[in-house]
Amino acid sequence: MRREGIAIVLLILLLGILLGNIRYLDNLVEEIEEAVSSSSAAWVRGDTQLAVSEMETAMEAWRSAAEYAHVMLRQGEIDAVSDAFFDLSAALHEGKENTTDAYLRLFYHLDSIERMDALRLSSIF
């Protein structure tokens, strides 16, 4: 009976850690998406300096979570988001016409992280 109790406690602890991880990831992605949205809105208004500043804020939030990301996310996801940030940065600094596409790619990759790491029955069984 004692072993079963320990196993139950460990399972509950693992579930708590899993839910905490999902919450942290959701908050991180939400913070980054808000900054990218602000950047996009500034770019649409023609305020390139604010757009670059907000994009750099989002990129710094992504970089600050690098240790977490390298442990908890797949390398492909990390590379895709990082590449999308650098593409967006280049597009903003160079004033390219495809800046909207760069924003959309970044949003897509951020959204895919949220979708892949969401808790659902198929991710358990």
PDB file of N, CA and C in Angstrom:
ATOM      1  N   MET A   1       0.823  -1.201   0.000  1.00  0.00           N
ATOM      2  CA  MET A   1       0.000   0.000   0.000  1.00  0.00           C
ATOM      3  C   MET A   1       0.864   1.261   0.000  1.00  0.00           C
ATOM      4  N   ARG A   2       1.996   1.164   0.641  1.00  0.00           N
ATOM      5  CA  ARG A   2       2.879   2.319   0.717  1.00  0.00           C
ATOM      6  C   ARG A   2       3.421   2.682  -0.662  1.00  0.00           C
ATOM      7  N   ARG A   3       3.786   1.681  -1.456  1.00  0.00           N
ATOM      8  CA  ARG A   3       4.297   1.940  -2.806  1.00  0.00           C
ATOM      9  C   ARG A   3       3.238   2.590  -3.684  1.00  0.00           C
ATOM     10  N   GLU A   4       2.012   2.131  -3.559  1.00  0.00           N
ATOM     11  CA  GLU A   4       0.930   2.715  -4.340  1.00  0.00           C
ATOM     12  C   GLU A   4       0.726   4.182  -3.969  1.00  0.00           C
ATOM     13  N   GLY A   5       0.833   4.485  -2.696  1.00  0.00           N
ATOM     14  CA  GLY A   5       0.697   5.874  -2.238  1.00  0.00           C
ATOM     15  C   GLY A   5       1.796   6.756  -2.800  1.00  0.00           C
ATOM     16  N   ILE A   6       3.025   6.235  -2.784  1.00  0.00           N
ATOM     17  CA  ILE A   6       4.144   6.990  -3.351  1.00  0.00           C
ATOM     18  C   ILE A   6       3.937   7.199  -4.848  1.00  0.00           C
ATOM     19  N   ALA A   7       3.474   6.151  -5.530  1.00  0.00           N
ATOM     20  CA  ALA A   7       3.227   6.271  -6.972  1.00  0.00           C
ATOM     21  C   ALA A   7       2.149   7.302  -7.259  1.00  0.00           C
ATOM     22  N   ILE A   8       1.114   7.325  -6.469  1.00  0.00           N
ATOM     23  CA  ILE A   8       0.037   8.303  -6.667  1.00  0.00           C
ATOM     24  C   ILE A   8       0.559   9.720  -6.434  1.00  0.00           C
ATOM     25  N   VAL A   9       1.347   9.905  -5.396  1.00  0.00           N
ATOM     26  CA  VAL A   9       1.911  11.226  -5.112  1.00  0.00           C
ATOM     27  C   VAL A   9       2.812  11.668  -6.263  1.00  0.00           C
ATOM     28  N   LEU A  10       3.635  10.749  -6.765  1.00  0.00           N
ATOM     29  CA  LEU A  10       4.510  11.095  -7.887  1.00  0.00           C
ATOM     30  C   LEU A  10       3.716  11.447  -9.140  1.00  0.00           C
ATOM     31  N   LEU A  11       2.653  10.709  -9.411  1.00  0.00           N
ATOM     32  CA  LEU A  11       1.818  11.018 -10.580  1.00  0.00           C
ATOM     33  C   LEU A  11       1.154  12.382 -10.439  1.00  0.00           C
ATOM     34  N   ILE A  12       0.693  12.693  -9.249  1.00  0.00           N
ATOM     35  CA  ILE A  12       0.079  13.998  -9.010  1.00  0.00           C
ATOM     36  C   ILE A  12       1.127  15.104  -9.160  1.00  0.00           C
ATOM     37  N   LEU A  13       2.329  14.855  -8.650  1.00  0.00           N
ATOM     38  CA  LEU A  13       3.424  15.817  -8.791  1.00  0.00           C
ATOM     39  C   LEU A  13       3.776  16.034 -10.267  1.00  0.00           C
ATOM     40  N   LEU A  14       3.865  14.950 -11.024  1.00  0.00           N
ATOM     41  CA  LEU A  14       4.157  15.076 -12.459  1.00  0.00           C
ATOM     42  C   LEU A  14       3.057  15.836 -13.191  1.00  0.00           C
ATOM     43  N   LEU A  15       1.814  15.577 -12.841  1.00  0.00           N
ATOM     44  CA  LEU A  15       0.701  16.301 -13.461  1.00  0.00           C
ATOM     45  C   LEU A  15       0.793  17.792 -13.138  1.00  0.00           C
ATOM     46  N   GLY A  16       1.139  18.116 -11.891  1.00  0.00           N
ATOM     47  CA  GLY A  16       1.304  19.518 -11.505  1.00  0.00           C
ATOM     48  C   GLY A  16       2.421  20.190 -12.286  1.00  0.00           C
ATOM     49  N   ILE A  17       3.532  19.479 -12.450  1.00  0.00           N
ATOM     50  CA  ILE A  17       4.656  20.020 -13.226  1.00  0.00           C
ATOM     51  C   ILE A  17       4.247  20.212 -14.681  1.00  0.00           C
ATOM     52  N   LEU A  18       3.534  19.246 -15.237  1.00  0.00           N
ATOM     53  CA  LEU A  18       3.066  19.346 -16.615  1.00  0.00           C
ATOM     54  C   LEU A  18       2.166  20.564 -16.800  1.00  0.00           C
ATOM     55  N   LEU A  19       1.213  20.741 -15.895  1.00  0.00           N
ATOM     56  CA  LEU A  19       0.304  21.883 -16.001  1.00  0.00           C
ATOM     57  C   LEU A  19       1.046  23.204 -15.809  1.00  0.00           C
ATOM     58  N   GLY A  20       2.030  23.231 -14.903  1.00  0.00           N
ATOM     59  CA  GLY A  20       2.847  24.431 -14.716  1.00  0.00           C
ATOM     60  C   GLY A  20       3.650  24.755 -15.961  1.00  0.00           C
ATOM     61  N   ASN A  21       4.183  23.726 -16.606  1.00  0.00           N
ATOM     62  CA  ASN A  21       4.944  23.922 -17.843  1.00  0.00           C
ATOM     63  C   ASN A  21       4.057  24.484 -18.953  1.00  0.00           C
ATOM     64  N   ILE A  22       2.872  23.924 -19.088  1.00  0.00           N
ATOM     65  CA  ILE A  22       1.941  24.406 -20.109  1.00  0.00           C
ATOM     66  C   ILE A  22       1.572  25.871 -19.843  1.00  0.00           C
ATOM     67  N   ARG A  23       1.337  26.199 -18.588  1.00  0.00           N
ATOM     68  CA  ARG A  23       0.983  27.582 -18.237  1.00  0.00           C
ATOM     69  C   ARG A  23       2.150  28.534 -18.533  1.00  0.00           C
ATOM     70  N   TYR A  24       3.367  28.123 -18.170  1.00  0.00           N
ATOM     71  CA  TYR A  24       4.541  28.950 -18.441  1.00  0.00           C
ATOM     72  C   TYR A  24       4.703  29.172 -19.940  1.00  0.00           C
ATOM     73  N   LEU A  25       4.574  28.107 -20.715  1.00  0.00           N
ATOM     74  CA  LEU A  25       4.721  28.216 -22.164  1.00  0.00           C
ATOM     75  C   LEU A  25       3.652  29.114 -22.766  1.00  0.00           C
ATOM     76  N   ASP A  26       2.415  28.962 -22.304  1.00  0.00           N
ATOM     77  CA  ASP A  26       1.336  29.823 -22.796  1.00  0.00           C
ATOM     78  C   ASP A  26       1.620  31.291 -22.483  1.00  0.00           C
ATOM     79  N   ASN A  27       2.074  31.572 -21.267  1.00  0.00           N
ATOM     80  CA  ASN A  27       2.383  32.952 -20.879  1.00  0.00           C
ATOM     81  C   ASN A  27       3.537  33.514 -21.698  1.00  0.00           C
ATOM     82  N   LEU A  28       4.557  32.690 -21.923  1.00  0.00           N
ATOM     83  CA  LEU A  28       5.706  33.131 -22.718  1.00  0.00           C
ATOM     84  C   LEU A  28       5.281  33.468 -24.141  1.00  0.00           C
ATOM     85  N   VAL A  29       4.549  32.570 -24.766  1.00  0.00           N
ATOM     86  CA  VAL A  29       4.119  32.799 -26.148  1.00  0.00           C
ATOM     87  C   VAL A  29       3.175  34.001 -26.216  1.00  0.00           C
ATOM     88  N   GLU A  30       2.294  34.134 -25.229  1.00  0.00           N
ATOM     89  CA  GLU A  30       1.378  35.284 -25.210  1.00  0.00           C
ATOM     90  C   GLU A  30       2.145  36.595 -25.091  1.00  0.00           C
ATOM     91  N   GLU A  31       3.163  36.629 -24.229  1.00  0.00           N
ATOM     92  CA  GLU A  31       3.982  37.838 -24.070  1.00  0.00           C
ATOM     93  C   GLU A  31       4.685  38.194 -25.380  1.00  0.00           C
ATOM     94  N   ILE A  32       5.226  37.194 -26.042  1.00  0.00           N
ATOM     95  CA  ILE A  32       5.928  37.430 -27.300  1.00  0.00           C
ATOM     96  C   ILE A  32       4.947  37.876 -28.379  1.00  0.00           C
ATOM     97  N   GLU A  33       3.793  37.219 -28.458  1.00  0.00           N
ATOM     98  CA  GLU A  33       2.798  37.588 -29.471  1.00  0.00           C
ATOM     99  C   GLU A  33       2.279  39.006 -29.266  1.00  0.00           C
ATOM    100  N   GLU A  34       2.123  39.436 -28.022  1.00  0.00           N
ATOM    101  CA  GLU A  34       1.671  40.809 -27.757  1.00  0.00           C
ATOM    102  C   GLU A  34       2.685  41.824 -28.277  1.00  0.00           C
ATOM    103  N   ALA A  35       3.959  41.559 -28.022  1.00  0.00           N
ATOM    104  CA  ALA A  35       4.997  42.477 -28.494  1.00  0.00           C
ATOM    105  C   ALA A  35       5.077  42.476 -30.020  1.00  0.00           C
ATOM    106  N   VAL A  36       4.936  41.296 -30.631  1.00  0.00           N
ATOM    107  CA  VAL A  36       4.957  41.211 -32.098  1.00  0.00           C
ATOM    108  C   VAL A  36       3.730  41.909 -32.681  1.00  0.00           C
ATOM    109  N   SER A  37       2.582  41.767 -32.038  1.00  0.00           N
ATOM    110  CA  SER A  37       1.368  42.464 -32.498  1.00  0.00           C
ATOM    111  C   SER A  37       1.543  43.978 -32.424  1.00  0.00           C
ATOM    112  N   SER A  38       2.153  44.448 -31.336  1.00  0.00           N
ATOM    113  CA  SER A  38       2.425  45.887 -31.208  1.00  0.00           C
ATOM    114  C   SER A  38       3.375  46.349 -32.296  1.00  0.00           C
ATOM    115  N   SER A  39       4.366  45.514 -32.579  1.00  0.00           N
ATOM    116  CA  SER A  39       5.313  45.832 -33.643  1.00  0.00           C
ATOM    117  C   SER A  39       4.607  45.908 -34.986  1.00  0.00           C
ATOM    118  N   SER A  40       3.750  44.943 -35.243  1.00  0.00           N
ATOM    119  CA  SER A  40       3.012  44.904 -36.505  1.00  0.00           C
ATOM    120  C   SER A  40       2.102  46.128 -36.653  1.00  0.00           C
ATOM    121  N   ALA A  41       1.415  46.479 -35.567  1.00  0.00           N
ATOM    122  CA  ALA A  41       0.529  47.650 -35.610  1.00  0.00           C
ATOM    123  C   ALA A  41       1.330  48.920 -35.867  1.00  0.00           C
ATOM    124  N   ALA A  42       2.487  49.032 -35.245  1.00  0.00           N
ATOM    125  CA  ALA A  42       3.337  50.209 -35.467  1.00  0.00           C
ATOM    126  C   ALA A  42       3.831  50.248 -36.906  1.00  0.00           C
ATOM    127  N   TRP A  43       4.188  49.101 -37.445  1.00  0.00           N
ATOM    128  CA  TRP A  43       4.661  49.061 -38.834  1.00  0.00           C
ATOM    129  C   TRP A  43       3.552  49.465 -39.796  1.00  0.00           C
ATOM    130  N   VAL A  44       2.328  49.008 -39.538  1.00  0.00           N
ATOM    131  CA  VAL A  44       1.193  49.370 -40.395  1.00  0.00           C
ATOM    132  C   VAL A  44       0.950  50.879 -40.345  1.00  0.00           C
ATOM    133  N   ARG A  45       1.140  51.481 -39.167  1.00  0.00           N
ATOM    134  CA  ARG A  45       0.967  52.936 -39.030  1.00  0.00           C
ATOM    135  C   ARG A  45       2.119  53.718 -39.644  1.00  0.00           C
ATOM    136  N   GLY A  46       3.191  53.018 -39.995  1.00  0.00           N
ATOM    137  CA  GLY A  46       4.333  53.694 -40.600  1.00  0.00           C
ATOM    138  C   GLY A  46       5.414  54.087 -39.605  1.00  0.00           C
ATOM    139  N   ASP A  47       5.276  53.666 -38.355  1.00  0.00           N
ATOM    140  CA  ASP A  47       6.257  53.979 -37.318  1.00  0.00           C
ATOM    141  C   ASP A  47       7.286  52.846 -37.246  1.00  0.00           C
ATOM    142  N   THR A  48       8.239  52.896 -38.155  1.00  0.00           N
ATOM    143  CA  THR A  48       9.228  51.814 -38.266  1.00  0.00           C
ATOM    144  C   THR A  48      10.085  51.707 -37.017  1.00  0.00           C
ATOM    145  N   GLN A  49      10.432  52.824 -36.421  1.00  0.00           N
ATOM    146  CA  GLN A  49      11.286  52.799 -35.227  1.00  0.00           C
ATOM    147  C   GLN A  49      10.595  52.064 -34.079  1.00  0.00           C
ATOM    148  N   LEU A  50       9.316  52.346 -33.845  1.00  0.00           N
ATOM    149  CA  LEU A  50       8.569  51.654 -32.800  1.00  0.00           C
ATOM    150  C   LEU A  50       8.388  50.177 -33.163  1.00  0.00           C
ATOM    151  N   ALA A  51       8.170  49.899 -34.439  1.00  0.00           N
ATOM    152  CA  ALA A  51       8.023  48.509 -34.884  1.00  0.00           C
ATOM    153  C   ALA A  51       9.285  47.712 -34.585  1.00  0.00           C
ATOM    154  N   VAL A  52      10.430  48.296 -34.868  1.00  0.00           N
ATOM    155  CA  VAL A  52      11.710  47.624 -34.591  1.00  0.00           C
ATOM    156  C   VAL A  52      11.892  47.451 -33.093  1.00  0.00           C
ATOM    157  N   SER A  53      11.573  48.477 -32.311  1.00  0.00           N
ATOM    158  CA  SER A  53      11.721  48.413 -30.860  1.00  0.00           C
ATOM    159  C   SER A  53      10.854  47.306 -30.258  1.00  0.00           C
ATOM    160  N   GLU A  54       9.608  47.225 -30.680  1.00  0.00           N
ATOM    161  CA  GLU A  54       8.694  46.189 -30.169  1.00  0.00           C
ATOM    162  C   GLU A  54       9.134  44.796 -30.618  1.00  0.00           C
ATOM    163  N   MET A  55       9.639  44.684 -31.837  1.00  0.00           N
ATOM    164  CA  MET A  55      10.132  43.405 -32.328  1.00  0.00           C
ATOM    165  C   MET A  55      11.338  42.971 -31.507  1.00  0.00           C
ATOM    166  N   GLU A  56      12.222  43.916 -31.171  1.00  0.00           N
ATOM    167  CA  GLU A  56      13.391  43.596 -30.357  1.00  0.00           C
ATOM    168  C   GLU A  56      12.987  43.187 -28.936  1.00  0.00           C
ATOM    169  N   THR A  57      11.917  43.797 -28.418  1.00  0.00           N
ATOM    170  CA  THR A  57      11.387  43.390 -27.111  1.00  0.00           C
ATOM    171  C   THR A  57      10.914  41.947 -27.163  1.00  0.00           C
ATOM    172  N   ALA A  58      10.196  41.601 -28.230  1.00  0.00           N
ATOM    173  CA  ALA A  58       9.714  40.222 -28.396  1.00  0.00           C
ATOM    174  C   ALA A  58      10.880  39.260 -28.553  1.00  0.00           C
ATOM    175  N   MET A  59      11.876  39.658 -29.328  1.00  0.00           N
ATOM    176  CA  MET A  59      13.037  38.797 -29.543  1.00  0.00           C
ATOM    177  C   MET A  59      13.804  38.589 -28.239  1.00  0.00           C
ATOM    178  N   GLU A  60      13.904  39.611 -27.440  1.00  0.00           N
ATOM    179  CA  GLU A  60      14.595  39.487 -26.152  1.00  0.00           C
ATOM    180  C   GLU A  60      13.831  38.548 -25.220  1.00  0.00           C
ATOM    181  N   ALA A  61      12.506  38.603 -25.237  1.00  0.00           N
ATOM    182  CA  ALA A  61      11.711  37.673 -24.429  1.00  0.00           C
ATOM    183  C   ALA A  61      11.959  36.236 -24.886  1.00  0.00           C
ATOM    184  N   TRP A  62      12.069  36.034 -26.188  1.00  0.00           N
ATOM    185  CA  TRP A  62      12.352  34.701 -26.736  1.00  0.00           C
ATOM    186  C   TRP A  62      13.751  34.245 -26.313  1.00  0.00           C
ATOM    187  N   ARG A  63      14.716  35.141 -26.420  1.00  0.00           N
ATOM    188  CA  ARG A  63      16.095  34.791 -26.043  1.00  0.00           C
ATOM    189  C   ARG A  63      16.225  34.517 -24.550  1.00  0.00           C
ATOM    190  N   SER A  64      15.469  35.250 -23.733  1.00  0.00           N
ATOM    191  CA  SER A  64      15.556  35.055 -22.283  1.00  0.00           C
ATOM    192  C   SER A  64      15.038  33.685 -21.866  1.00  0.00           C
ATOM    193  N   ALA A  65      14.242  33.072 -22.704  1.00  0.00           N
ATOM    194  CA  ALA A  65      13.706  31.732 -22.417  1.00  0.00           C
ATOM    195  C   ALA A  65      14.496  30.640 -23.135  1.00  0.00           C
ATOM    196  N   ALA A  66      15.703  30.952 -23.586  1.00  0.00           N
ATOM    197  CA  ALA A  66      16.485  30.007 -24.388  1.00  0.00           C
ATOM    198  C   ALA A  66      16.789  28.715 -23.639  1.00  0.00           C
ATOM    199  N   GLU A  67      17.199  28.815 -22.378  1.00  0.00           N
ATOM    200  CA  GLU A  67      17.508  27.600 -21.625  1.00  0.00           C
ATOM    201  C   GLU A  67      16.270  26.719 -21.487  1.00  0.00           C
ATOM    202  N   TYR A  68      15.154  27.336 -21.168  1.00  0.00           N
ATOM    203  CA  TYR A  68      13.898  26.599 -21.069  1.00  0.00           C
ATOM    204  C   TYR A  68      13.545  25.974 -22.415  1.00  0.00           C
ATOM    205  N   ALA A  69      13.640  26.753 -23.457  1.00  0.00           N
ATOM    206  CA  ALA A  69      13.255  26.276 -24.787  1.00  0.00           C
ATOM    207  C   ALA A  69      14.102  25.082 -25.217  1.00  0.00           C
ATOM    208  N   HIS A  70      15.389  25.121 -24.944  1.00  0.00           N
ATOM    209  CA  HIS A  70      16.257  24.026 -25.379  1.00  0.00           C
ATOM    210  C   HIS A  70      16.002  22.736 -24.603  1.00  0.00           C
ATOM    211  N   VAL A  71      15.390  22.847 -23.444  1.00  0.00           N
ATOM    212  CA  VAL A  71      15.059  21.653 -22.672  1.00  0.00           C
ATOM    213  C   VAL A  71      13.662  21.152 -23.020  1.00  0.00           C
ATOM    214  N   MET A  72      12.711  22.069 -23.197  1.00  0.00           N
ATOM    215  CA  MET A  72      11.303  21.682 -23.295  1.00  0.00           C
ATOM    216  C   MET A  72      10.743  21.627 -24.714  1.00  0.00           C
ATOM    217  N   LEU A  73      11.369  22.289 -25.665  1.00  0.00           N
ATOM    218  CA  LEU A  73      10.833  22.331 -27.023  1.00  0.00           C
ATOM    219  C   LEU A  73      11.750  21.564 -27.969  1.00  0.00           C
ATOM    220  N   ARG A  74      11.179  21.148 -29.078  1.00  0.00           N
ATOM    221  CA  ARG A  74      11.985  20.480 -30.100  1.00  0.00           C
ATOM    222  C   ARG A  74      12.880  21.503 -30.799  1.00  0.00           C
ATOM    223  N   GLN A  75      14.041  21.035 -31.209  1.00  0.00           N
ATOM    224  CA  GLN A  75      15.014  21.929 -31.844  1.00  0.00           C
ATOM    225  C   GLN A  75      14.433  22.579 -33.099  1.00  0.00           C
ATOM    226  N   GLY A  76      13.623  21.849 -33.839  1.00  0.00           N
ATOM    227  CA  GLY A  76      13.010  22.407 -35.042  1.00  0.00           C
ATOM    228  C   GLY A  76      12.120  23.602 -34.734  1.00  0.00           C
ATOM    229  N   GLU A  77      11.373  23.535 -33.632  1.00  0.00           N
ATOM    230  CA  GLU A  77      10.511  24.648 -33.237  1.00  0.00           C
ATOM    231  C   GLU A  77      11.350  25.867 -32.851  1.00  0.00           C
ATOM    232  N   ILE A  78      12.414  25.612 -32.111  1.00  0.00           N
ATOM    233  CA  ILE A  78      13.300  26.704 -31.684  1.00  0.00           C
ATOM    234  C   ILE A  78      13.916  27.382 -32.906  1.00  0.00           C
ATOM    235  N   ASP A  79      14.422  26.572 -33.826  1.00  0.00           N
ATOM    236  CA  ASP A  79      15.043  27.126 -35.037  1.00  0.00           C
ATOM    237  C   ASP A  79      14.046  27.900 -35.877  1.00  0.00           C
ATOM    238  N   ALA A  80      12.824  27.369 -36.013  1.00  0.00           N
ATOM    239  CA  ALA A  80      11.815  28.029 -36.845  1.00  0.00           C
ATOM    240  C   ALA A  80      11.465  29.406 -36.280  1.00  0.00           C
ATOM    241  N   VAL A  81      11.258  29.498 -34.973  1.00  0.00           N
ATOM    242  CA  VAL A  81      10.918  30.791 -34.363  1.00  0.00           C
ATOM    243  C   VAL A  81      12.108  31.742 -34.450  1.00  0.00           C
ATOM    244  N   SER A  82      13.297  31.251 -34.160  1.00  0.00           N
ATOM    245  CA  SER A  82      14.491  32.109 -34.235  1.00  0.00           C
ATOM    246  C   SER A  82      14.714  32.621 -35.650  1.00  0.00           C
ATOM    247  N   ASP A  83      14.582  31.743 -36.637  1.00  0.00           N
ATOM    248  CA  ASP A  83      14.731  32.160 -38.033  1.00  0.00           C
ATOM    249  C   ASP A  83      13.667  33.186 -38.417  1.00  0.00           C
ATOM    250  N   ALA A  84      12.436  32.980 -37.957  1.00  0.00           N
ATOM    251  CA  ALA A  84      11.361  33.920 -38.264  1.00  0.00           C
ATOM    252  C   ALA A  84      11.647  35.286 -37.650  1.00  0.00           C
ATOM    253  N   PHE A  85      12.203  35.299 -36.445  1.00  0.00           N
ATOM    254  CA  PHE A  85      12.590  36.572 -35.827  1.00  0.00           C
ATOM    255  C   PHE A  85      13.660  37.278 -36.651  1.00  0.00           C
ATOM    256  N   PHE A  86      14.670  36.545 -37.080  1.00  0.00           N
ATOM    257  CA  PHE A  86      15.754  37.169 -37.851  1.00  0.00           C
ATOM    258  C   PHE A  86      15.257  37.638 -39.219  1.00  0.00           C
ATOM    259  N   ASP A  87      14.355  36.885 -39.842  1.00  0.00           N
ATOM    260  CA  ASP A  87      13.759  37.325 -41.110  1.00  0.00           C
ATOM    261  C   ASP A  87      12.961  38.610 -40.920  1.00  0.00           C
ATOM    262  N   LEU A  88      12.185  38.661 -39.835  1.00  0.00           N
ATOM    263  CA  LEU A  88      11.397  39.856 -39.550  1.00  0.00           C
ATOM    264  C   LEU A  88      12.310  41.038 -39.259  1.00  0.00           C
ATOM    265  N   SER A  89      13.341  40.814 -38.484  1.00  0.00           N
ATOM    266  CA  SER A  89      14.285  41.878 -38.173  1.00  0.00           C
ATOM    267  C   SER A  89      14.923  42.438 -39.444  1.00  0.00           C
ATOM    268  N   ALA A  90      15.343  41.553 -40.320  1.00  0.00           N
ATOM    269  CA  ALA A  90      15.951  41.993 -41.582  1.00  0.00           C
ATOM    270  C   ALA A  90      14.947  42.764 -42.424  1.00  0.00           C
ATOM    271  N   ALA A  91      13.716  42.274 -42.499  1.00  0.00           N
ATOM    272  CA  ALA A  91      12.685  42.942 -43.301  1.00  0.00           C
ATOM    273  C   ALA A  91      12.392  44.334 -42.754  1.00  0.00           C
ATOM    274  N   LEU A  92      12.321  44.469 -41.415  1.00  0.00           N
ATOM    275  CA  LEU A  92      12.048  45.778 -40.819  1.00  0.00           C
ATOM    276  C   LEU A  92      13.206  46.747 -41.026  1.00  0.00           C
ATOM    277  N   HIS A  93      14.409  46.280 -40.837  1.00  0.00           N
ATOM    278  CA  HIS A  93      15.576  47.162 -40.982  1.00  0.00           C
ATOM    279  C   HIS A  93      15.813  47.579 -42.430  1.00  0.00           C
ATOM    280  N   GLU A  94      15.471  46.704 -43.356  1.00  0.00           N
ATOM    281  CA  GLU A  94      15.695  47.009 -44.769  1.00  0.00           C
ATOM    282  C   GLU A  94      14.472  47.629 -45.437  1.00  0.00           C
ATOM    283  N   GLY A  95      13.360  47.673 -44.709  1.00  0.00           N
ATOM    284  CA  GLY A  95      12.142  48.247 -45.272  1.00  0.00           C
ATOM    285  C   GLY A  95      11.592  47.443 -46.438  1.00  0.00           C
ATOM    286  N   LYS A  96      11.720  46.130 -46.353  1.00  0.00           N
ATOM    287  CA  LYS A  96      11.266  45.273 -47.444  1.00  0.00           C
ATOM    288  C   LYS A  96       9.747  45.246 -47.542  1.00  0.00           C
ATOM    289  N   GLU A  97       9.284  44.934 -48.739  1.00  0.00           N
ATOM    290  CA  GLU A  97       7.845  44.846 -48.969  1.00  0.00           C
ATOM    291  C   GLU A  97       7.238  43.590 -48.353  1.00  0.00           C
ATOM    292  N   ASN A  98       8.044  42.571 -48.119  1.00  0.00           N
ATOM    293  CA  ASN A  98       7.517  41.313 -47.599  1.00  0.00           C
ATOM    294  C   ASN A  98       7.486  41.279 -46.067  1.00  0.00           C
ATOM    295  N   THR A  99       7.457  42.431 -45.435  1.00  0.00           N
ATOM    296  CA  THR A  99       7.426  42.496 -43.976  1.00  0.00           C
ATOM    297  C   THR A  99       6.165  41.843 -43.435  1.00  0.00           C
ATOM    298  N   THR A 100       5.048  42.014 -44.098  1.00  0.00           N
ATOM    299  CA  THR A 100       3.804  41.372 -43.658  1.00  0.00           C
ATOM    300  C   THR A 100       3.959  39.864 -43.650  1.00  0.00           C
ATOM    301  N   ASP A 101       4.589  39.313 -44.671  1.00  0.00           N
ATOM    302  CA  ASP A 101       4.827  37.872 -44.716  1.00  0.00           C
ATOM    303  C   ASP A 101       5.722  37.427 -43.559  1.00  0.00           C
ATOM    304  N   ALA A 102       6.708  38.235 -43.218  1.00  0.00           N
ATOM    305  CA  ALA A 102       7.602  37.896 -42.111  1.00  0.00           C
ATOM    306  C   ALA A 102       6.841  37.870 -40.791  1.00  0.00           C
ATOM    307  N   TYR A 103       5.935  38.846 -40.590  1.00  0.00           N
ATOM    308  CA  TYR A 103       5.096  38.833 -39.390  1.00  0.00           C
ATOM    309  C   TYR A 103       4.229  37.575 -39.359  1.00  0.00           C
ATOM    310  N   LEU A 104       3.607  37.260 -40.476  1.00  0.00           N
ATOM    311  CA  LEU A 104       2.729  36.085 -40.532  1.00  0.00           C
ATOM    312  C   LEU A 104       3.487  34.799 -40.245  1.00  0.00           C
ATOM    313  N   ARG A 105       4.706  34.666 -40.774  1.00  0.00           N
ATOM    314  CA  ARG A 105       5.509  33.470 -40.504  1.00  0.00           C
ATOM    315  C   ARG A 105       5.823  33.346 -39.016  1.00  0.00           C
ATOM    316  N   LEU A 106       6.176  34.454 -38.389  1.00  0.00           N
ATOM    317  CA  LEU A 106       6.493  34.424 -36.966  1.00  0.00           C
ATOM    318  C   LEU A 106       5.258  34.043 -36.148  1.00  0.00           C
ATOM    319  N   PHE A 107       4.120  34.661 -36.461  1.00  0.00           N
ATOM    320  CA  PHE A 107       2.887  34.300 -35.755  1.00  0.00           C
ATOM    321  C   PHE A 107       2.558  32.817 -35.949  1.00  0.00           C
ATOM    322  N   TYR A 108       2.749  32.315 -37.147  1.00  0.00           N
ATOM    323  CA  TYR A 108       2.470  30.905 -37.434  1.00  0.00           C
ATOM    324  C   TYR A 108       3.331  29.992 -36.561  1.00  0.00           C
ATOM    325  N   HIS A 109       4.615  30.276 -36.473  1.00  0.00           N
ATOM    326  CA  HIS A 109       5.515  29.421 -35.697  1.00  0.00           C
ATOM    327  C   HIS A 109       5.229  29.514 -34.201  1.00  0.00           C
ATOM    328  N   LEU A 110       4.899  30.708 -33.725  1.00  0.00           N
ATOM    329  CA  LEU A 110       4.531  30.842 -32.311  1.00  0.00           C
ATOM    330  C   LEU A 110       3.245  30.085 -32.013  1.00  0.00           C
ATOM    331  N   ASP A 111       2.283  30.193 -32.914  1.00  0.00           N
ATOM    332  CA  ASP A 111       1.024  29.483 -32.734  1.00  0.00           C
ATOM    333  C   ASP A 111       1.230  27.968 -32.770  1.00  0.00           C
ATOM    334  N   SER A 112       2.132  27.508 -33.604  1.00  0.00           N
ATOM    335  CA  SER A 112       2.368  26.062 -33.698  1.00  0.00           C
ATOM    336  C   SER A 112       2.968  25.530 -32.403  1.00  0.00           C
ATOM    337  N   ILE A 113       3.770  26.323 -31.703  1.00  0.00           N
ATOM    338  CA  ILE A 113       4.303  25.901 -30.406  1.00  0.00           C
ATOM    339  C   ILE A 113       3.163  25.708 -29.421  1.00  0.00           C
ATOM    340  N   GLU A 114       2.248  26.653 -29.381  1.00  0.00           N
ATOM    341  CA  GLU A 114       1.105  26.535 -28.476  1.00  0.00           C
ATOM    342  C   GLU A 114       0.256  25.315 -28.808  1.00  0.00           C
ATOM    343  N   ARG A 115      -0.009  25.099 -30.090  1.00  0.00           N
ATOM    344  CA  ARG A 115      -0.848  23.967 -30.485  1.00  0.00           C
ATOM    345  C   ARG A 115      -0.185  22.625 -30.203  1.00  0.00           C
ATOM    346  N   MET A 116       1.111  22.516 -30.459  1.00  0.00           N
ATOM    347  CA  MET A 116       1.795  21.240 -30.269  1.00  0.00           C
ATOM    348  C   MET A 116       1.940  20.880 -28.798  1.00  0.00           C
ATOM    349  N   ASP A 117       2.074  21.866 -27.943  1.00  0.00           N
ATOM    350  CA  ASP A 117       2.299  21.594 -26.536  1.00  0.00           C
ATOM    351  C   ASP A 117       1.044  21.729 -25.686  1.00  0.00           C
ATOM    352  N   ALA A 118      -0.111  21.804 -26.330  1.00  0.00           N
ATOM    353  CA  ALA A 118      -1.363  21.882 -25.587  1.00  0.00           C
ATOM    354  C   ALA A 118      -1.711  20.504 -25.022  1.00  0.00           C
ATOM    355  N   LEU A 119      -2.336  20.502 -23.874  1.00  0.00           N
ATOM    356  CA  LEU A 119      -2.742  19.262 -23.230  1.00  0.00           C
ATOM    357  C   LEU A 119      -4.069  18.783 -23.824  1.00  0.00           C
ATOM    358  N   ARG A 120      -4.053  17.577 -24.348  1.00  0.00           N
ATOM    359  CA  ARG A 120      -5.270  16.949 -24.859  1.00  0.00           C
ATOM    360  C   ARG A 120      -5.094  15.439 -24.762  1.00  0.00           C
ATOM    361  N   LEU A 121      -6.165  14.718 -24.888  1.00  0.00           N
ATOM    362  CA  LEU A 121      -6.105  13.267 -24.690  1.00  0.00           C
ATOM    363  C   LEU A 121      -5.109  12.603 -25.631  1.00  0.00           C
ATOM    364  N   SER A 122      -5.018  13.069 -26.867  1.00  0.00           N
ATOM    365  CA  SER A 122      -4.092  12.460 -27.826  1.00  0.00           C
ATOM    366  C   SER A 122      -2.628  12.664 -27.420  1.00  0.00           C
ATOM    367  N   SER A 123      -2.338  13.671 -26.615  1.00  0.00           N
ATOM    368  CA  SER A 123      -0.952  13.873 -26.177  1.00  0.00           C
ATOM    369  C   SER A 123      -0.623  13.011 -24.950  1.00  0.00           C
ATOM    370  N   ILE A 124      -1.635  12.412 -24.356  1.00  0.00           N
ATOM    371  CA  ILE A 124      -1.423  11.557 -23.199  1.00  0.00           C
ATOM    372  C   ILE A 124      -1.392  10.083 -23.605  1.00  0.00           C
ATOM    373  N   PHE A 125      -2.310   9.704 -24.485  1.00  0.00           N
ATOM    374  CA  PHE A 125      -2.429   8.290 -24.851  1.00  0.00           C
ATOM    375  C   PHE A 125      -1.854   8.012 -26.196  1.00  0.00           C
TER     376      PHE A 125
END
